[in-house]
């Protein structure tokens, strides 16, 4: 299966080509103005983000005759790199490629990265869970039961790993309390549960990989995260401020009659860089909304892209082009603008602090990263902002 995924990725890489934001713009139905070809990056083939992007691509082709090419990436860095390099205009990202990239933490605290000027267009807030799943044959029922179990760590994917850290903290656990098993990507980590290489991993309940686990001999369970445990949630949110308590009703072995008490946050996040052409962002946002009926049932979780599911006061700012569209819809309020301005100010504080770092000092990567941790935390504190992360 892993060889198959490699072949698929190579095929996409061969077919993929860069499309600049200034590509020839064509006008189609519903007044949307988009290039003939758009390019997104997304998680690995088989992930919820990838499957949703494919469904959206089919809708764009049907309504606007626009071809959407999806470049799969196995981790946060591999999804943000083509965005930063201008090879794709947008990415269907997770918390790592969005929030951690903004914050300049984890892999984005390396010399070659630093805080990124990310901007949202839309958030997917569906009925799915974003949480840790486990093999049913482990006997795990709650997060506390993960103690001593094998838990997946995905190399180069700080969002996945940090999310596990936050959820473990709910039960006063850490990585030292579990057996950390390393994998090279999200797909292999999820396959590892089926193959009995690991017992638990972070994912979304609508991922194709989760359905595969449910159908496997090991079975699937969503370890419960009690919404009544306020202290547990304080510990969880201290590490993952983007999480909320959630009753999941969409995904493998979930329904309105059989929900799971757990956690969630928006996923995927359709985002661009602040420098992306505002007209292109405006029209991409418009096309997403106006073609919604064509893709809402095309992949699990796509219903979360609906207009009434948007959260305009999340942890990363919205792009000016998207704001223009949401204002036209009458949905963008003064309080949203105030929140957005605050987040942009935070990004400026981080960018200024990063610019002051001497990246040619000769310090090795570890020493540089440690120095950045302190510079970053000090800069945010002086600006009256909470660092959230002081080490990683």
Protein backbone atom coordinates (compact mmCIF):
# COMPACT_ATOMS: atom_id res chain seq x y z
CA UNK A 1 0.00 0.00 0.00
CA UNK A 2 2.88 2.34 0.81
CA UNK A 3 4.42 1.69 -2.63
CA UNK A 4 1.07 2.52 -4.22
CA UNK A 5 0.95 5.85 -2.39
CA UNK A 6 4.46 6.65 -3.58
CA UNK A 7 3.47 5.95 -7.17
CA UNK A 8 0.37 8.12 -6.80
CA UNK A 9 2.43 10.98 -5.36
CA UNK A 10 4.95 10.68 -8.20
CA UNK A 11 2.17 10.77 -10.75
CA UNK A 12 0.71 13.89 -9.21
CA UNK A 13 4.13 15.49 -8.96
CA UNK A 14 4.76 14.75 -12.64
CA UNK A 15 1.40 16.16 -13.67
CA UNK A 16 1.63 19.15 -11.35
CA UNK A 17 2.91 22.47 -12.62
CA UNK A 18 3.17 25.90 -11.06
CA UNK A 19 0.39 28.37 -11.72
CA UNK A 20 1.03 31.97 -10.74
CA UNK A 21 -1.61 34.18 -9.18
CA UNK A 22 -1.40 36.40 -12.24
CA UNK A 23 -2.27 33.56 -14.66
CA UNK A 24 -4.67 34.39 -17.46
CA UNK A 25 -7.98 35.07 -15.77
CA UNK A 26 -11.16 33.79 -17.37
CA UNK A 27 -14.75 34.67 -16.56
CA UNK A 28 -17.28 31.91 -16.08
CA UNK A 29 -20.76 31.37 -14.64
CA UNK A 30 -21.92 33.26 -11.55
CA UNK A 31 -19.38 36.02 -12.26
CA UNK A 32 -16.52 34.03 -10.71
CA UNK A 33 -13.18 34.95 -12.24
CA UNK A 34 -10.57 32.24 -11.86
CA UNK A 35 -7.54 30.97 -13.77
CA UNK A 36 -8.19 28.01 -16.05
CA UNK A 37 -6.06 25.94 -13.67
CA UNK A 38 -5.80 26.30 -9.91
CA UNK A 39 -3.39 24.49 -7.64
CA UNK A 40 -3.79 23.50 -3.99
CA UNK A 41 -1.68 21.45 -1.66
CA UNK A 42 -3.37 19.08 0.80
CA UNK A 43 -2.61 16.15 3.07
CA UNK A 44 -1.70 12.71 1.75
CA UNK A 45 -3.85 10.75 -0.68
CA UNK A 46 -6.67 9.16 1.35
CA UNK A 47 -6.80 11.88 3.99
CA UNK A 48 -9.98 13.87 4.65
CA UNK A 49 -8.37 17.06 3.32
CA UNK A 50 -7.27 15.38 0.09
CA UNK A 51 -10.61 13.69 -0.50
CA UNK A 52 -12.47 16.95 0.08
CA UNK A 53 -10.19 18.84 -2.30
CA UNK A 54 -10.87 16.29 -5.03
CA UNK A 55 -14.64 16.74 -4.54
CA UNK A 56 -14.26 20.52 -4.64
CA UNK A 57 -12.17 20.20 -7.80
CA UNK A 58 -14.94 18.27 -9.52
CA UNK A 59 -17.44 21.00 -8.59
CA UNK A 60 -15.17 23.77 -9.90
CA UNK A 61 -14.76 21.88 -13.15
CA UNK A 62 -18.50 21.42 -13.51
CA UNK A 63 -19.52 24.98 -12.63
CA UNK A 64 -16.60 27.07 -13.89
CA UNK A 65 -14.63 24.75 -16.19
CA UNK A 66 -11.66 25.27 -13.86
CA UNK A 67 -9.18 22.45 -13.31
CA UNK A 68 -7.98 22.03 -9.72
CA UNK A 69 -4.69 20.22 -9.31
CA UNK A 70 -4.08 18.85 -5.82
CA UNK A 71 -0.51 18.30 -4.64
CA UNK A 72 -0.43 15.81 -1.75
CA UNK A 73 2.00 16.43 1.10
CA UNK A 74 2.82 14.09 3.94
CA UNK A 75 3.31 16.78 6.61
CA UNK A 76 2.86 20.48 7.42
CA UNK A 77 6.14 21.61 5.89
CA UNK A 78 5.56 19.74 2.64
CA UNK A 79 2.14 21.40 2.29
CA UNK A 80 3.37 24.93 3.08
CA UNK A 81 6.56 24.76 1.01
CA UNK A 82 4.82 24.86 -2.41
CA UNK A 83 2.58 27.65 -1.07
CA UNK A 84 5.58 29.71 0.02
CA UNK A 85 7.36 29.01 -3.28
CA UNK A 86 4.36 30.05 -5.37
CA UNK A 87 3.82 26.57 -6.84
CA UNK A 88 0.27 26.55 -5.46
CA UNK A 89 -2.03 29.46 -4.72
CA UNK A 90 -3.84 27.83 -1.80
CA UNK A 91 -3.58 24.95 0.62
CA UNK A 92 -6.18 22.88 2.45
CA UNK A 93 -4.23 22.82 5.67
CA UNK A 94 -4.34 21.66 9.24
CA UNK A 95 -3.50 23.47 12.46
CA UNK A 96 0.22 22.92 12.00
CA UNK A 97 0.51 24.47 8.57
CA UNK A 98 -1.76 27.33 9.64
CA UNK A 99 -1.42 28.16 13.35
CA UNK A 100 2.08 26.80 14.03
CA UNK A 101 3.31 28.40 10.81
CA UNK A 102 1.92 31.75 11.98
CA UNK A 103 3.54 31.30 15.39
CA UNK A 104 6.95 30.21 14.08
CA UNK A 105 6.98 27.19 16.35
CA UNK A 106 8.08 23.56 16.00
CA UNK A 107 9.28 22.88 12.43
CA UNK A 108 8.47 26.49 11.58
CA UNK A 109 10.96 27.68 14.20
CA UNK A 110 13.84 26.42 12.04
CA UNK A 111 16.24 28.83 10.33
CA UNK A 112 14.69 28.15 6.94
CA UNK A 113 11.16 29.04 8.08
CA UNK A 114 10.16 31.36 10.90
CA UNK A 115 6.67 32.87 11.41
CA UNK A 116 4.63 32.85 8.21
CA UNK A 117 2.06 35.50 7.08
CA UNK A 118 -0.80 33.02 6.67
CA UNK A 119 -4.38 34.06 5.89
CA UNK A 120 -7.65 32.10 5.89
CA UNK A 121 -10.35 32.09 3.22
CA UNK A 122 -12.76 29.57 4.76
CA UNK A 123 -12.73 27.10 7.63
CA UNK A 124 -14.27 23.67 7.51
CA UNK A 125 -16.28 23.16 10.70
CA UNK A 126 -18.19 19.96 10.06
CA UNK A 127 -19.72 17.38 12.40
CA UNK A 128 -16.47 15.43 12.40
CA UNK A 129 -14.06 14.95 15.27
CA UNK A 130 -10.40 15.93 15.21
CA UNK A 131 -8.99 13.72 17.90
CA UNK A 132 -6.99 10.65 18.83
CA UNK A 133 -8.42 7.34 17.63
CA UNK A 134 -7.35 3.94 18.89
CA UNK A 135 -7.69 0.31 17.96
CA UNK A 136 -10.67 -1.19 19.75
CA UNK A 137 -8.77 -4.36 20.63
CA UNK A 138 -6.55 -2.34 23.00
CA UNK A 139 -9.42 -1.97 25.47
CA UNK A 140 -8.94 1.83 25.47
CA UNK A 141 -12.10 3.74 26.41
CA UNK A 142 -10.80 7.08 27.73
CA UNK A 143 -7.71 9.21 27.12
CA UNK A 144 -6.32 8.06 30.47
CA UNK A 145 -6.34 4.49 29.10
CA UNK A 146 -3.67 5.44 26.56
CA UNK A 147 -1.03 5.24 29.30
CA UNK A 148 1.55 2.67 28.25
CA UNK A 149 0.03 2.23 24.78
CA UNK A 150 1.83 2.74 21.46
CA UNK A 151 1.05 6.21 20.05
CA UNK A 152 2.05 7.50 16.59
CA UNK A 153 4.53 10.37 16.21
CA UNK A 154 4.67 11.70 12.62
CA UNK A 155 8.06 13.11 11.67
CA UNK A 156 7.80 16.66 10.34
CA UNK A 157 4.15 17.06 11.37
CA UNK A 158 4.06 19.26 14.49
CA UNK A 159 0.30 19.74 14.22
CA UNK A 160 -0.37 16.03 14.59
CA UNK A 161 2.18 15.58 17.37
CA UNK A 162 1.24 18.72 19.29
CA UNK A 163 -2.42 17.77 19.05
CA UNK A 164 -1.62 14.43 20.64
CA UNK A 165 0.34 16.28 23.35
CA UNK A 166 -2.69 18.47 24.09
CA UNK A 167 -5.08 15.52 24.26
CA UNK A 168 -2.72 13.51 26.45
CA UNK A 169 -2.49 16.52 28.77
CA UNK A 170 -6.25 16.30 29.30
CA UNK A 171 -5.56 13.13 31.30
CA UNK A 172 -2.35 14.48 32.87
CA UNK A 173 -0.28 12.35 30.51
CA UNK A 174 2.68 13.16 28.31
CA UNK A 175 4.81 11.43 25.71
CA UNK A 176 6.88 9.85 28.50
CA UNK A 177 3.73 8.02 29.62
CA UNK A 178 3.19 6.30 26.25
CA UNK A 179 5.32 4.38 23.77
CA UNK A 180 6.21 6.80 20.96
CA UNK A 181 6.31 5.11 17.54
CA UNK A 182 7.70 7.23 14.70
CA UNK A 183 6.28 7.29 11.17
CA UNK A 184 7.30 9.23 8.06
CA UNK A 185 3.82 10.52 7.26
CA UNK A 186 0.16 10.62 8.22
CA UNK A 187 -0.82 7.75 5.91
CA UNK A 188 1.77 5.29 7.23
CA UNK A 189 0.84 6.22 10.82
CA UNK A 190 -2.81 5.39 10.22
CA UNK A 191 -1.92 2.22 8.35
CA UNK A 192 0.23 1.37 11.37
CA UNK A 193 -2.90 0.92 13.47
CA UNK A 194 -4.33 -1.58 10.99
CA UNK A 195 -0.98 -3.37 10.78
CA UNK A 196 -0.65 -3.53 14.60
CA UNK A 197 2.50 -1.38 14.61
CA UNK A 198 0.85 1.24 16.83
CA UNK A 199 -2.31 1.54 18.94
CA UNK A 200 -3.41 5.16 18.54
CA UNK A 201 -2.93 8.20 16.29
CA UNK A 202 -4.34 11.66 15.69
CA UNK A 203 -6.75 12.13 12.80
CA UNK A 204 -10.23 13.22 11.76
CA UNK A 205 -13.22 10.94 12.04
CA UNK A 206 -14.03 11.32 8.32
CA UNK A 207 -10.62 10.28 7.02
CA UNK A 208 -10.66 7.30 4.67
CA UNK A 209 -7.95 5.81 6.89
CA UNK A 210 -10.30 5.86 9.88
CA UNK A 211 -12.93 3.94 7.92
CA UNK A 212 -10.22 1.40 7.06
CA UNK A 213 -9.37 0.97 10.75
CA UNK A 214 -13.05 0.48 11.59
CA UNK A 215 -13.30 -2.28 8.99
CA UNK A 216 -10.08 -3.97 10.07
CA UNK A 217 -9.92 -6.89 12.55
CA UNK A 218 -8.62 -4.48 15.22
CA UNK A 219 -11.70 -2.22 15.11
CA UNK A 220 -11.99 1.45 16.04
CA UNK A 221 -12.67 3.44 19.19
CA UNK A 222 -12.76 7.17 19.97
CA UNK A 223 -11.29 7.54 23.48
CA UNK A 224 -13.72 9.78 25.34
CA UNK A 225 -12.78 13.33 26.38
CA UNK A 226 -15.35 14.33 28.99
CA UNK A 227 -16.81 17.78 28.44
CA UNK A 228 -17.54 18.05 32.17
CA UNK A 229 -13.88 17.82 33.14
CA UNK A 230 -13.08 21.55 33.21
CA UNK A 231 -9.59 21.09 34.65
CA UNK A 232 -8.78 18.57 31.96
CA UNK A 233 -9.89 21.05 29.32
CA UNK A 234 -7.75 23.79 30.86
CA UNK A 235 -4.72 21.53 30.49
CA UNK A 236 -5.71 20.63 26.93
CA UNK A 237 -6.30 24.24 25.83
CA UNK A 238 -3.05 25.41 27.42
CA UNK A 239 -1.31 23.39 24.68
CA UNK A 240 -3.97 23.45 21.97
CA UNK A 241 -5.95 26.74 22.20
CA UNK A 242 -7.73 25.90 18.92
CA UNK A 243 -9.57 22.85 20.38
CA UNK A 244 -13.20 22.90 21.55
CA UNK A 245 -15.35 20.22 23.23
CA UNK A 246 -17.41 18.50 20.55
CA UNK A 247 -19.92 15.71 20.06
CA UNK A 248 -18.95 14.04 16.81
CA UNK A 249 -21.73 12.71 14.62
CA UNK A 250 -19.97 12.35 11.25
CA UNK A 251 -17.37 9.77 10.40
CA UNK A 252 -16.56 6.11 10.81
CA UNK A 253 -19.03 4.46 13.22
CA UNK A 254 -20.56 7.84 14.13
CA UNK A 255 -24.07 9.18 13.59
CA UNK A 256 -26.58 11.47 15.27
CA UNK A 257 -27.86 8.41 17.13
CA UNK A 258 -24.35 7.27 18.05
CA UNK A 259 -22.19 10.36 18.77
CA UNK A 260 -18.80 10.39 20.47
CA UNK A 261 -17.84 12.84 23.22
CA UNK A 262 -14.49 14.19 22.19
CA UNK A 263 -12.75 17.23 20.64
CA UNK A 264 -12.65 19.21 17.40
CA UNK A 265 -11.24 22.22 15.58
CA UNK A 266 -11.67 23.46 12.01
CA UNK A 267 -10.12 21.14 9.44
CA UNK A 268 -9.18 21.71 6.73
CA UNK A 269 -8.46 25.42 6.65
CA UNK A 270 -8.36 26.87 3.13
CA UNK A 271 -5.56 29.40 3.32
CA UNK A 272 -3.10 31.49 1.36
CA UNK A 273 -0.27 33.88 2.17
CA UNK A 274 -1.01 37.54 2.87
CA UNK A 275 0.79 38.39 -0.38
CA UNK A 276 -1.64 36.40 -2.54
CA UNK A 277 -3.56 38.50 -5.05
CA UNK A 278 -6.68 39.86 -3.31
CA UNK A 279 -8.87 39.49 -6.40
CA UNK A 280 -7.90 35.84 -6.77
CA UNK A 281 -8.62 35.21 -3.09
CA UNK A 282 -11.97 36.99 -3.39
CA UNK A 283 -12.99 34.87 -6.36
CA UNK A 284 -11.74 31.63 -4.82
CA UNK A 285 -13.84 32.36 -1.73
CA UNK A 286 -16.83 33.25 -3.90
CA UNK A 287 -16.46 30.10 -5.98
CA UNK A 288 -16.22 27.91 -2.87
CA UNK A 289 -19.48 29.34 -1.55
CA UNK A 290 -21.38 29.38 -4.83
CA UNK A 291 -20.42 25.84 -5.83
CA UNK A 292 -21.09 24.42 -2.36
CA UNK A 293 -24.21 22.49 -3.36
CA UNK A 294 -22.16 20.63 -5.97
CA UNK A 295 -19.50 19.36 -3.55
CA UNK A 296 -21.16 19.29 -0.11
CA UNK A 297 -21.93 15.57 -0.40
CA UNK A 298 -18.95 14.57 -2.51
CA UNK A 299 -16.69 13.64 0.41
CA UNK A 300 -17.15 13.07 4.15
CA UNK A 301 -16.89 16.36 6.05
CA UNK A 302 -17.51 18.65 3.06
CA UNK A 303 -20.69 19.96 4.72
CA UNK A 304 -18.40 21.88 7.09
CA UNK A 305 -17.52 24.40 4.35
CA UNK A 306 -21.04 25.85 4.59
CA UNK A 307 -21.41 29.59 5.12
CA UNK A 308 -23.22 29.11 8.43
CA UNK A 309 -20.30 27.04 9.77
CA UNK A 310 -17.70 29.80 9.43
CA UNK A 311 -15.83 31.11 12.48
CA UNK A 312 -14.49 34.60 11.80
CA UNK A 313 -12.71 34.83 15.16
CA UNK A 314 -10.40 31.81 15.11
CA UNK A 315 -6.60 31.74 15.69
CA UNK A 316 -5.34 32.98 12.29
CA UNK A 317 -6.47 36.11 10.41
CA UNK A 318 -8.56 36.15 7.24
CA UNK A 319 -7.20 37.44 3.93
CA UNK A 320 -8.35 40.88 2.75
CA UNK A 321 -9.80 39.31 -0.40
CA UNK A 322 -11.88 36.89 1.62
CA UNK A 323 -12.98 39.68 3.97
CA UNK A 324 -14.25 41.63 0.97
CA UNK A 325 -16.48 38.70 0.02
CA UNK A 326 -17.72 38.07 3.57
CA UNK A 327 -18.56 41.78 3.89
CA UNK A 328 -20.62 41.56 0.72
CA UNK A 329 -22.49 38.66 2.29
CA UNK A 330 -23.18 40.83 5.33
CA UNK A 331 -21.43 38.39 7.65
CA UNK A 332 -18.25 40.28 8.54
CA UNK A 333 -18.89 42.34 11.69
CA UNK A 334 -16.82 45.03 13.47
CA UNK A 335 -15.88 42.54 16.19
CA UNK A 336 -14.47 40.22 13.52
CA UNK A 337 -12.36 43.05 12.12
CA UNK A 338 -11.06 43.90 15.60
CA UNK A 339 -10.10 40.27 16.17
CA UNK A 340 -8.46 40.10 12.74
CA UNK A 341 -6.48 43.28 13.38
CA UNK A 342 -5.24 41.84 16.66
CA UNK A 343 -4.02 38.66 14.93
CA UNK A 344 -2.28 40.66 12.19
CA UNK A 345 -0.59 42.74 14.89
CA UNK A 346 0.56 39.50 16.52
CA UNK A 347 2.04 38.36 13.20
CA UNK A 348 3.88 41.69 12.88
CA UNK A 349 5.35 41.30 16.37
CA UNK A 350 6.54 37.82 15.45
CA UNK A 351 7.93 38.97 12.09
CA UNK A 352 9.86 41.81 13.74
CA UNK A 353 11.30 39.46 16.33
CA UNK A 354 12.29 36.99 13.63
CA UNK A 355 13.98 39.72 11.56
CA UNK A 356 16.10 40.59 14.59
CA UNK A 357 17.44 37.04 14.82
CA UNK A 358 20.95 36.57 13.42
CA UNK A 359 20.47 33.53 11.22
CA UNK A 360 24.06 33.71 9.97
CA UNK A 361 25.59 33.61 13.44
CA UNK A 362 27.06 30.17 12.92
CA UNK A 363 24.94 28.67 15.68
CA UNK A 364 23.87 25.13 14.98
CA UNK A 365 20.20 24.39 14.37
CA UNK A 366 19.45 23.36 17.94
CA UNK A 367 21.16 26.42 19.44
CA UNK A 368 19.37 28.70 17.01
CA UNK A 369 16.00 27.15 17.75
CA UNK A 370 16.55 27.52 21.49
CA UNK A 371 17.53 31.20 21.04
CA UNK A 372 14.42 31.80 18.93
CA UNK A 373 12.19 30.30 21.62
CA UNK A 374 13.36 32.96 24.06
CA UNK A 375 13.32 35.87 21.56
CA UNK A 376 9.83 34.93 20.44
CA UNK A 377 8.40 34.57 23.95
CA UNK A 378 10.02 37.82 25.11
CA UNK A 379 8.69 39.78 22.11
CA UNK A 380 5.12 38.58 22.59
CA UNK A 381 5.24 39.20 26.32
CA UNK A 382 6.49 42.77 25.83
CA UNK A 383 3.61 43.33 23.40
CA UNK A 384 1.15 42.14 26.04
CA UNK A 385 0.40 38.92 24.16
CA UNK A 386 0.41 35.36 25.47
CA UNK A 387 3.32 33.32 23.99
CA UNK A 388 1.37 30.03 24.40
CA UNK A 389 4.56 28.13 23.58
CA UNK A 390 7.87 28.93 25.27
CA UNK A 391 9.61 25.71 24.25
CA UNK A 392 9.07 22.77 21.90
